Protein backbone atom coordinates (compact mmCIF):
# COMPACT_ATOMS: atom_id res chain seq x y z
CA ALA A 1 0.00 0.00 0.00
CA ALA A 2 2.84 2.38 0.84
CA LYS A 3 4.56 1.65 -2.46
CA ALA A 4 1.34 2.22 -4.41
CA THR A 5 0.76 5.50 -2.57
CA LEU A 6 4.25 6.76 -3.38
CA GLN A 7 3.81 5.79 -7.03
CA MET A 8 0.48 7.60 -7.18
CA SER A 9 2.05 10.67 -5.58
CA ALA A 10 4.92 10.63 -8.08
CA ALA A 11 2.47 10.20 -10.97
CA ALA A 12 0.41 13.16 -9.75
CA GLY A 13 3.43 15.41 -9.32
CA PRO A 14 4.83 17.20 -6.27
CA GLU A 15 1.88 19.60 -6.11
CA PHE A 16 -0.48 16.86 -4.90
CA GLY A 17 1.99 15.41 -2.43
CA VAL A 18 2.40 12.20 -0.47
CA ALA A 19 -0.04 13.17 2.28
CA ASN A 20 -2.88 13.83 -0.18
CA SER A 21 -2.08 10.63 -2.07
CA ALA A 22 -2.15 8.63 1.15
CA ALA A 23 -5.47 10.20 2.17
CA LEU A 24 -6.99 9.53 -1.25
CA ALA A 25 -5.84 5.89 -1.31
CA ALA A 26 -7.02 5.27 2.25
CA ASP A 27 -10.41 6.90 1.62
CA ALA A 28 -10.95 4.91 -1.57
CA LEU A 29 -10.09 1.62 0.12
CA ASN A 30 -12.31 2.35 3.12
CA MET A 31 -15.30 3.61 1.14
CA PHE A 32 -15.48 0.50 -1.01
CA GLY A 33 -14.50 -2.03 1.66
CA LEU A 34 -11.19 -2.91 0.01
CA GLU A 35 -7.94 -4.09 1.62
CA GLY A 36 -4.35 -2.93 1.54
CA LYS A 37 -3.51 -5.51 -1.12
CA ASP A 38 -5.91 -3.69 -3.45
CA ALA A 39 -3.98 -0.41 -3.15
CA ALA A 40 -1.97 -0.95 -6.35
CA LYS A 41 -5.13 -1.58 -8.36
CA VAL A 42 -6.79 1.51 -6.86
CA ALA A 43 -3.70 3.63 -7.60
CA ASP A 44 -3.71 2.46 -11.24
CA LEU A 45 -7.44 3.17 -11.51
CA LEU A 46 -7.23 6.69 -10.10
CA VAL A 47 -4.13 7.64 -12.08
CA GLY A 48 -5.80 6.26 -15.21
CA ALA A 49 -8.98 8.25 -14.54
CA ALA A 50 -6.98 11.44 -14.11
CA ASN A 51 -4.88 10.87 -17.23
CA ALA A 52 -7.83 9.82 -19.41
CA SER A 53 -9.90 12.87 -18.50
CA SER A 54 -9.33 16.55 -17.76
CA ILE A 55 -9.32 16.07 -13.99
CA GLY A 56 -6.59 15.72 -11.41
CA LEU A 57 -6.27 13.49 -8.39
CA GLY A 58 -7.52 16.40 -6.30
CA ASP A 59 -10.78 16.38 -8.28
CA LEU A 60 -11.07 12.63 -7.71
CA LYS A 61 -10.39 13.09 -4.00
CA PHE A 62 -13.23 15.57 -3.58
CA GLY A 63 -15.51 13.68 -5.95
CA LEU A 64 -15.05 10.37 -4.14
CA SER A 65 -15.54 12.08 -0.78
CA ALA A 66 -18.98 13.18 -1.96
CA VAL A 67 -20.18 10.01 -3.69
CA GLY A 68 -17.97 7.08 -2.66
CA SER A 69 -19.88 5.78 0.35
CA VAL A 70 -23.25 6.08 -1.40
CA ALA A 71 -21.92 4.39 -4.54
CA ASN A 72 -20.68 1.45 -2.49
CA THR A 73 -23.97 1.25 -0.58
CA VAL A 74 -26.05 1.00 -3.77
CA GLY A 75 -23.65 -1.54 -5.26
CA LEU A 76 -21.65 0.51 -7.75
CA SER A 77 -18.02 -0.59 -8.03
CA ILE A 78 -15.07 1.70 -7.50
CA ASP A 79 -14.18 1.15 -11.18
CA ASP A 80 -17.57 2.44 -12.34
CA THR A 81 -17.48 5.30 -9.84
CA ALA A 82 -14.05 6.48 -11.02
CA THR A 83 -15.16 6.10 -14.64
CA ALA A 84 -18.23 8.23 -13.98
CA LEU A 85 -16.14 10.98 -12.37
CA ALA A 86 -13.79 10.90 -15.36
CA VAL A 87 -16.72 11.13 -17.80
CA PHE A 88 -18.13 14.08 -15.85
CA GLY A 89 -14.71 15.75 -15.74
CA ALA A 90 -14.35 15.54 -19.50
CA ALA A 91 -17.68 17.37 -19.75
CA GLY A 92 -16.60 20.08 -17.30
CA LEU A 93 -18.24 18.73 -14.12
CA LYS A 94 -15.48 18.20 -11.58
CA GLY A 95 -14.58 17.71 -7.93
CA SER A 96 -17.20 17.78 -5.20
CA ASP A 97 -19.79 19.17 -7.64
CA ALA A 98 -19.47 16.01 -9.75
CA GLY A 99 -19.62 13.75 -6.70
CA THR A 100 -22.64 15.50 -5.22
CA SER A 101 -24.60 15.50 -8.48
CA PHE A 102 -23.83 11.81 -9.06
CA LYS A 103 -24.70 10.92 -5.46
CA THR A 104 -28.12 12.53 -5.80
CA MET A 105 -28.75 10.72 -9.07
CA LEU A 106 -27.78 7.33 -7.61
CA THR A 107 -30.16 7.74 -4.67
CA ARG A 108 -33.04 8.47 -7.06
CA LEU A 109 -32.60 5.71 -9.62
CA ASN A 110 -35.48 4.20 -7.68
CA PRO A 111 -38.20 6.91 -7.85
CA GLN A 112 -38.79 8.79 -4.62
CA THR A 113 -42.02 10.63 -5.46
CA LYS A 114 -45.26 10.01 -7.30
CA GLU A 115 -44.23 12.48 -9.99
CA ALA A 116 -40.87 10.76 -10.47
CA THR A 117 -42.56 7.36 -10.69
CA GLU A 118 -45.03 8.57 -13.30
CA MET A 119 -42.27 10.21 -15.34
CA MET A 120 -40.07 7.11 -15.25
CA GLN A 121 -43.06 5.00 -16.23
CA SER A 122 -43.89 7.30 -19.16
CA VAL A 123 -40.38 6.95 -20.64
CA GLY A 124 -40.14 3.21 -20.01
CA LEU A 125 -37.83 3.24 -17.00
CA TRP A 126 -40.29 1.90 -14.44
CA THR A 127 -43.10 -0.68 -14.37
CA ALA A 128 -45.33 -1.83 -11.54
CA GLN A 129 -44.19 -5.42 -12.08
CA ALA A 130 -40.41 -4.96 -12.36
CA GLY A 131 -39.89 -1.61 -10.65
CA SER A 132 -36.97 0.58 -11.75
CA ALA A 133 -35.22 -0.44 -14.96
CA PHE A 134 -31.90 0.57 -13.40
CA PHE A 135 -31.97 -2.54 -11.16
CA ASP A 136 -31.92 -6.21 -12.16
CA ALA A 137 -34.40 -8.89 -11.08
CA GLU A 138 -32.44 -9.44 -7.84
CA GLY A 139 -32.57 -5.75 -6.94
CA LYS A 140 -28.92 -5.13 -7.79
CA MET A 141 -27.98 -1.88 -9.52
CA LYS A 142 -26.88 -2.35 -13.10
CA PRO A 143 -23.36 -1.33 -14.25
CA LEU A 144 -22.66 2.27 -15.21
CA ASN A 145 -22.61 1.65 -18.96
CA GLU A 146 -26.05 0.02 -18.81
CA ILE A 147 -27.42 2.92 -16.76
CA ALA A 148 -26.09 5.37 -19.34
CA ASN A 149 -27.55 3.22 -22.13
CA LEU A 150 -31.00 3.23 -20.49
CA LEU A 151 -30.93 7.02 -20.16
CA ALA A 152 -29.84 7.47 -23.77
CA ASP A 153 -32.43 5.05 -25.17
CA SER A 154 -35.35 6.33 -23.09
CA LEU A 155 -34.67 10.06 -23.40
CA GLY A 156 -32.68 10.37 -26.62
CA GLY A 157 -35.75 10.79 -28.82
CA LEU A 158 -37.21 13.62 -26.75
CA SER A 159 -36.75 17.31 -27.41
CA LYS A 160 -34.22 19.22 -25.31
CA GLU A 161 -37.05 20.75 -23.31
CA GLU A 162 -38.64 17.36 -22.72
CA GLN A 163 -35.30 15.88 -21.68
CA LEU A 164 -34.75 18.67 -19.17
CA THR A 165 -38.21 18.20 -17.69
CA ALA A 166 -37.87 14.43 -17.52
CA ILE A 167 -34.44 14.43 -15.86
CA ASN A 168 -35.39 17.14 -13.40
CA THR A 169 -38.60 15.32 -12.43
CA MET A 170 -36.95 11.93 -12.05
CA PHE A 171 -33.72 12.90 -10.30
CA GLY A 172 -34.05 16.50 -9.08
CA SER A 173 -32.10 19.61 -9.97
CA ASP A 174 -28.95 18.58 -8.06
CA ALA A 175 -28.59 15.47 -10.23
CA LEU A 176 -29.45 17.24 -13.48
CA ARG A 177 -25.86 17.65 -14.67
CA ALA A 178 -24.69 14.10 -13.93
CA ALA A 179 -27.76 12.47 -15.49
CA SER A 180 -27.59 14.75 -18.56
CA ILE A 181 -23.94 13.88 -19.19
CA LEU A 182 -24.56 10.14 -18.87
CA MET A 183 -27.57 10.43 -21.19
CA THR A 184 -25.47 12.27 -23.77
CA GLU A 185 -22.52 9.88 -23.55
CA GLY A 186 -24.57 6.69 -23.43
CA LYS A 187 -22.91 3.30 -23.34
CA PRO A 188 -20.35 4.13 -26.09
CA GLY A 189 -19.04 7.14 -24.18
CA VAL A 190 -18.78 5.29 -20.86
CA ASP A 191 -17.11 2.28 -22.46
CA ALA A 192 -14.64 4.52 -24.30
CA MET A 193 -13.67 6.24 -21.06
CA ALA A 194 -13.31 2.91 -19.24
CA GLY A 195 -11.01 1.71 -22.03
CA ALA A 196 -8.93 4.89 -21.86
CA ILE A 197 -8.60 4.53 -18.08
CA ALA A 198 -7.42 0.93 -18.45
CA LYS A 199 -4.87 2.03 -21.04
CA GLN A 200 -3.61 4.97 -18.99
CA GLY A 201 -3.83 3.24 -15.61
CA ASP A 202 -0.28 2.29 -14.78
CA ALA A 203 0.81 4.31 -11.76
CA ALA A 204 4.33 2.83 -11.74
CA ARG A 205 4.94 3.71 -15.40
CA VAL A 206 3.50 7.20 -15.10
CA ALA A 207 5.49 7.77 -11.92
CA GLY A 208 8.66 6.76 -13.77
CA GLU A 209 7.93 9.19 -16.58
CA MET A 210 7.08 12.01 -14.17
CA THR A 211 10.21 11.54 -12.08
CA ASN A 212 12.63 11.17 -15.00
CA ASN A 213 13.80 14.78 -14.72
CA LEU A 214 15.30 17.10 -12.09
CA SER A 215 11.94 18.38 -10.86
CA GLY A 216 10.56 14.87 -10.62
CA LYS A 217 13.63 13.55 -8.82
CA TRP A 218 13.43 16.42 -6.34
CA GLY A 219 9.74 15.67 -5.77
CA ALA A 220 10.56 12.01 -5.21
CA LEU A 221 13.26 12.96 -2.72
CA THR A 222 10.92 15.22 -0.71
CA GLY A 223 8.24 12.51 -0.79
CA THR A 224 10.72 9.99 0.58
CA ILE A 225 11.74 12.43 3.31
CA ASP A 226 8.07 12.93 4.24
CA THR A 227 7.63 9.16 4.48
CA LEU A 228 10.80 8.90 6.59
CA LYS A 229 9.45 11.55 8.97
CA ILE A 230 6.25 9.57 9.40
CA LYS A 231 8.14 6.33 10.06
CA LEU A 232 10.52 8.01 12.53
CA GLY A 233 7.59 9.63 14.28
CA GLU A 234 5.87 6.28 14.68
CA ALA A 235 9.05 4.67 16.00
CA LEU A 236 9.96 7.43 18.43
CA LEU A 237 6.47 8.17 19.72
CA PRO A 238 6.55 5.62 22.59
CA VAL A 239 9.94 6.95 23.73
CA ALA A 240 8.75 10.55 23.50
CA GLU A 241 5.63 9.74 25.50
CA LYS A 242 7.74 8.10 28.22
CA VAL A 243 10.11 11.09 28.41
CA VAL A 244 7.20 13.53 28.59
CA GLY A 245 5.64 11.43 31.36
CA ILE A 246 8.85 11.52 33.41
CA LEU A 247 9.22 15.26 32.90
CA ASN A 248 5.62 15.77 33.96
CA GLN A 249 6.25 13.84 37.18
CA GLN A 250 9.42 15.83 37.90
CA VAL A 251 7.73 19.19 37.29
CA SER A 252 4.73 18.18 39.41
CA GLY A 253 7.07 17.16 42.24
CA PHE A 254 8.98 20.43 42.00
CA LEU A 255 5.74 22.46 42.14
CA THR A 256 4.65 20.46 45.19
CA TRP A 257 7.99 21.17 46.88
CA LEU A 258 7.61 24.88 46.15
CA GLY A 259 4.24 24.85 47.84
CA THR A 260 5.62 23.20 51.01
CA PRO A 261 6.14 25.61 54.00
């Protein structure tokens, strides 16, 4: 996990830093119930998403903070979540705005109001027998590319005004941007982005390219020093605590002596 974090930091450049890379990796693993052994895969995925789109790891950090836990709860994989954030970023929707809009959309794929139910029924996305078309027969949310395909097929033939009304009624104004982008991209756009992420997702390679110059080598050196500080701090903390405890006892004893007649 530490190696993957350092590679992700090097791939992002010194501006993002080791601390932000560590926080991003830890958050991603925790949100989707993954383990340390999955850190390399997550690093490749996030670096690939950043390189394949017009977003940075900072955008992914804020986007995942907004949507990650909800995405995992409804059954969307971290791969699909990162792909969605990359698709949104390419369309100009980035960071926490992208995560919040997507989060709202995910929570309303099953209609929450009578109006939303009627609208989804009118465009073929809901039936009384099967419920929401965004879920399979076992109640599991469908993959991102299928969700985008359903939106494109059901709303693609409507006028722009009708599309706006339908999306706003089904998902609410906060989800309007995310749902509109997925409708426009459809399955081909989502699949193309997923393919680009897979192609670009090699944190070790990108880190090597980024650090193969003076600026990169300096960034790598400072990152290593930061990591060393953390390790030294962890190792010396018990000793420091013991020393502070002894000093506290000595000072307390001295103050007691001063107060003695």
